[in-house]
Amino acid sequence: MQFFLQFAFAVVLGAGALALKVSSFTCENKAMMSSSFIGQNSDVRVDTLACSNIIKKRDLEARQTNVCADTCTTNCFAPSGGGPNPYDCQVISDAILYDSQNVGALFNIASGSTIYMQYSTCETFFVNQASYNETYCRTNWANVVEYVAFNCQSTQNAHGGNCVPPDQSWFVQVQTAP
């Protein structure tokens, strides 16, 4: 599995090899923290990864860790080339919503961690770049996945995209699976 982070973000490489890049950023000392499957049919793979060198911002430490209500700005990745099949991304979105109803609306993500999901042609990940643990809403992640998947396609001269809050303490990215 491999992450390709574009703009200022991720990349997943083939079976077993993980590499995260933010422009020239590489995930150092990457470690798989957990792996599971979610969704009504348990068909969406979820991996939690850790990088020893993830971006940390000292000025964010005093901030509340629940970032569920934070807004984010969508960035579509140019040039055109077609993003993932938006209906594959919708399977991920539906699985996240299923988990929200059956596991809980909120999830926690440790500082410097990445949660990665893949189904067929679509992959998404949530990256916590803050120096503290964060809590986020599954429903918000599902909405971002669906929005980016359907609005960052070749018809918009794009091939996937991400959503980043103003303080850049986290981001959600949607792109074509390798």
Protein backbone atom coordinates (compact mmCIF):
# COMPACT_ATOMS: atom_id res chain seq x y z
CA MET A 1 0.00 0.00 0.00
CA GLN A 2 1.39 3.42 -0.87
CA PHE A 3 0.32 7.01 -0.27
CA PHE A 4 0.98 9.78 -2.71
CA LEU A 5 0.32 13.08 -1.00
CA GLN A 6 -0.17 15.86 -3.46
CA PHE A 7 -0.29 19.63 -3.08
CA ALA A 8 0.99 19.61 0.45
CA PHE A 9 0.06 16.06 1.34
CA ALA A 10 -0.01 12.14 0.77
CA VAL A 11 1.03 8.96 -1.22
CA VAL A 12 0.54 5.21 -0.55
CA LEU A 13 2.83 2.79 -2.36
CA GLY A 14 2.21 -0.80 -3.37
CA ALA A 15 1.51 -3.79 -1.14
CA GLY A 16 3.26 -3.35 2.17
CA ALA A 17 5.42 -0.33 1.33
CA LEU A 18 4.16 2.94 2.76
CA ALA A 19 5.54 6.34 1.84
CA LEU A 20 3.96 9.64 2.71
CA LYS A 21 5.03 12.79 0.94
CA VAL A 22 4.09 16.40 1.41
CA SER A 23 5.76 18.00 -1.56
CA SER A 24 9.24 16.73 -0.66
CA PHE A 25 8.06 15.39 2.73
CA THR A 26 8.56 11.68 3.34
CA CYS A 27 6.99 9.69 6.15
CA GLU A 28 9.88 8.58 8.33
CA ASN A 29 9.78 5.50 10.56
CA LYS A 30 6.31 4.68 9.29
CA ALA A 31 4.42 2.14 11.31
CA MET A 32 1.09 0.40 10.82
CA MET A 33 -0.79 0.96 14.06
CA SER A 34 -3.93 -1.00 13.14
CA SER A 35 -5.87 -2.42 10.22
CA SER A 36 -9.53 -3.39 9.92
CA PHE A 37 -12.55 -3.37 7.61
CA ILE A 38 -15.69 -1.25 7.98
CA GLY A 39 -19.09 -0.90 6.35
CA GLN A 40 -22.23 -2.94 6.23
CA ASN A 41 -20.45 -5.60 4.17
CA SER A 42 -17.03 -4.95 5.77
CA ASP A 43 -15.63 -4.12 2.33
CA VAL A 44 -13.70 -0.90 3.05
CA ARG A 45 -10.15 -1.34 4.38
CA VAL A 46 -9.03 1.06 7.13
CA ASP A 47 -5.38 1.42 8.20
CA THR A 48 -3.98 3.68 10.91
CA LEU A 49 -0.39 4.79 10.25
CA ALA A 50 2.19 6.73 12.27
CA CYS A 51 5.12 8.85 11.01
CA SER A 52 7.83 10.06 13.35
CA ASN A 53 8.31 13.32 11.44
CA ILE A 54 4.72 14.50 10.88
CA ILE A 55 4.32 18.26 10.93
CA LYS A 56 3.85 19.54 14.47
CA LYS A 57 2.87 23.08 15.38
CA ARG A 58 3.57 24.25 18.91
CA ASP A 59 1.12 27.15 18.58
CA LEU A 60 -1.74 24.67 18.23
CA GLU A 61 -1.14 22.89 21.54
CA ALA A 62 -3.55 25.05 23.55
CA ARG A 63 -6.33 24.60 21.03
CA GLN A 64 -9.30 22.38 21.74
CA THR A 65 -8.75 18.89 20.40
CA ASN A 66 -12.28 18.40 19.04
CA VAL A 67 -12.02 19.64 15.44
CA CYS A 68 -15.34 18.14 14.38
CA ALA A 69 -16.98 21.49 13.64
CA ASP A 70 -13.94 22.97 11.88
CA THR A 71 -14.48 24.09 8.32
CA CYS A 72 -12.04 23.18 5.58
CA THR A 73 -11.26 24.50 2.13
CA THR A 74 -11.48 22.08 -0.81
CA ASN A 75 -8.54 21.96 -3.23
CA CYS A 76 -8.89 20.00 -6.46
CA PHE A 77 -5.65 18.62 -7.87
CA ALA A 78 -4.80 19.78 -11.39
CA PRO A 79 -4.26 18.84 -14.13
CA SER A 80 -7.15 16.80 -15.38
CA GLY A 81 -6.68 13.10 -15.45
CA GLY A 82 -9.82 11.89 -13.81
CA GLY A 83 -10.10 11.16 -10.15
CA PRO A 84 -11.26 7.96 -8.58
CA ASN A 85 -14.62 6.55 -9.61
CA PRO A 86 -16.95 8.70 -7.45
CA TYR A 87 -19.25 5.71 -6.91
CA ASP A 88 -16.34 3.77 -5.36
CA CYS A 89 -15.79 6.77 -3.07
CA GLN A 90 -19.48 6.71 -2.26
CA VAL A 91 -19.00 3.14 -0.94
CA ILE A 92 -16.36 4.51 1.46
CA SER A 93 -18.64 7.40 2.42
CA ASP A 94 -21.49 4.98 3.10
CA ALA A 95 -19.19 2.73 5.18
CA ILE A 96 -18.10 5.72 7.28
CA LEU A 97 -21.76 6.69 7.80
CA TYR A 98 -22.57 3.08 8.73
CA ASP A 99 -19.79 3.19 11.35
CA SER A 100 -21.11 6.52 12.60
CA GLN A 101 -24.47 4.89 13.34
CA ASN A 102 -23.06 1.65 14.73
CA VAL A 103 -19.75 2.59 16.39
CA GLY A 104 -20.25 6.29 17.15
CA ALA A 105 -20.23 9.69 15.50
CA LEU A 106 -16.74 10.66 16.68
CA PHE A 107 -13.32 9.09 16.24
CA ASN A 108 -9.99 9.96 17.82
CA ILE A 109 -6.73 10.21 15.94
CA ALA A 110 -3.35 10.46 17.64
CA SER A 111 -0.89 13.23 16.89
CA GLY A 112 1.12 12.43 13.77
CA SER A 113 -1.22 9.63 12.69
CA THR A 114 -2.99 8.91 9.43
CA ILE A 115 -6.19 6.92 8.94
CA TYR A 116 -6.34 5.45 5.44
CA MET A 117 -9.33 3.88 3.68
CA GLN A 118 -9.56 2.22 0.28
CA TYR A 119 -12.28 0.69 -1.83
CA SER A 120 -11.63 -0.29 -5.45
CA THR A 121 -10.40 2.85 -7.34
CA CYS A 122 -10.90 5.26 -4.41
CA GLU A 123 -8.71 6.00 -1.43
CA THR A 124 -9.08 8.60 1.29
CA PHE A 125 -7.10 9.47 4.36
CA PHE A 126 -7.34 11.75 7.38
CA VAL A 127 -3.98 13.11 8.55
CA ASN A 128 -3.49 14.67 12.00
CA GLN A 129 -0.60 17.12 11.60
CA ALA A 130 -1.08 18.68 15.06
CA SER A 131 1.13 18.08 18.09
CA TYR A 132 -1.90 16.81 20.02
CA ASN A 133 -4.59 14.17 19.57
CA GLU A 134 -7.73 15.23 17.71
CA THR A 135 -11.37 14.15 17.57
CA TYR A 136 -13.30 14.38 14.30
CA CYS A 137 -16.80 13.43 13.09
CA ARG A 138 -17.33 10.43 10.86
CA THR A 139 -20.27 12.21 9.19
CA ASN A 140 -18.04 15.16 8.25
CA TRP A 141 -15.41 12.85 6.78
CA ALA A 142 -18.10 11.01 4.78
CA ASN A 143 -19.40 14.34 3.43
CA VAL A 144 -15.89 15.48 2.42
CA VAL A 145 -15.20 12.17 0.65
CA GLU A 146 -18.40 12.37 -1.36
CA TYR A 147 -18.02 16.08 -2.18
CA VAL A 148 -14.41 15.81 -3.37
CA ALA A 149 -15.06 12.58 -5.29
CA PHE A 150 -17.89 14.09 -7.34
CA ASN A 151 -16.47 17.64 -7.66
CA CYS A 152 -12.76 17.07 -8.34
CA GLN A 153 -12.95 15.04 -11.55
CA SER A 154 -11.66 15.57 -15.10
CA THR A 155 -14.74 17.71 -15.87
CA GLN A 156 -13.33 20.19 -13.33
CA ASN A 157 -9.81 19.75 -14.79
CA ALA A 158 -8.83 17.74 -11.71
CA HIS A 159 -7.94 14.27 -10.46
CA GLY A 160 -9.00 14.17 -6.81
CA GLY A 161 -8.38 16.68 -4.05
CA ASN A 162 -8.30 17.45 -0.36
CA CYS A 163 -9.94 19.61 2.29
CA VAL A 164 -7.71 21.59 4.66
CA PRO A 165 -8.74 23.79 7.62
CA PRO A 166 -7.24 27.29 7.95
CA ASP A 167 -4.76 26.21 10.66
CA GLN A 168 -3.67 23.12 8.66
CA SER A 169 -3.71 20.95 11.81
CA TRP A 170 -5.37 18.14 9.79
CA PHE A 171 -6.60 17.37 6.29
CA VAL A 172 -8.75 14.86 4.41
CA GLN A 173 -7.64 13.73 0.97
CA VAL A 174 -9.44 11.76 -1.76
CA GLN A 175 -7.59 10.33 -4.76
CA THR A 176 -7.30 7.41 -7.13
CA ALA A 177 -5.98 4.23 -5.50
CA PRO A 178 -2.78 2.88 -6.99
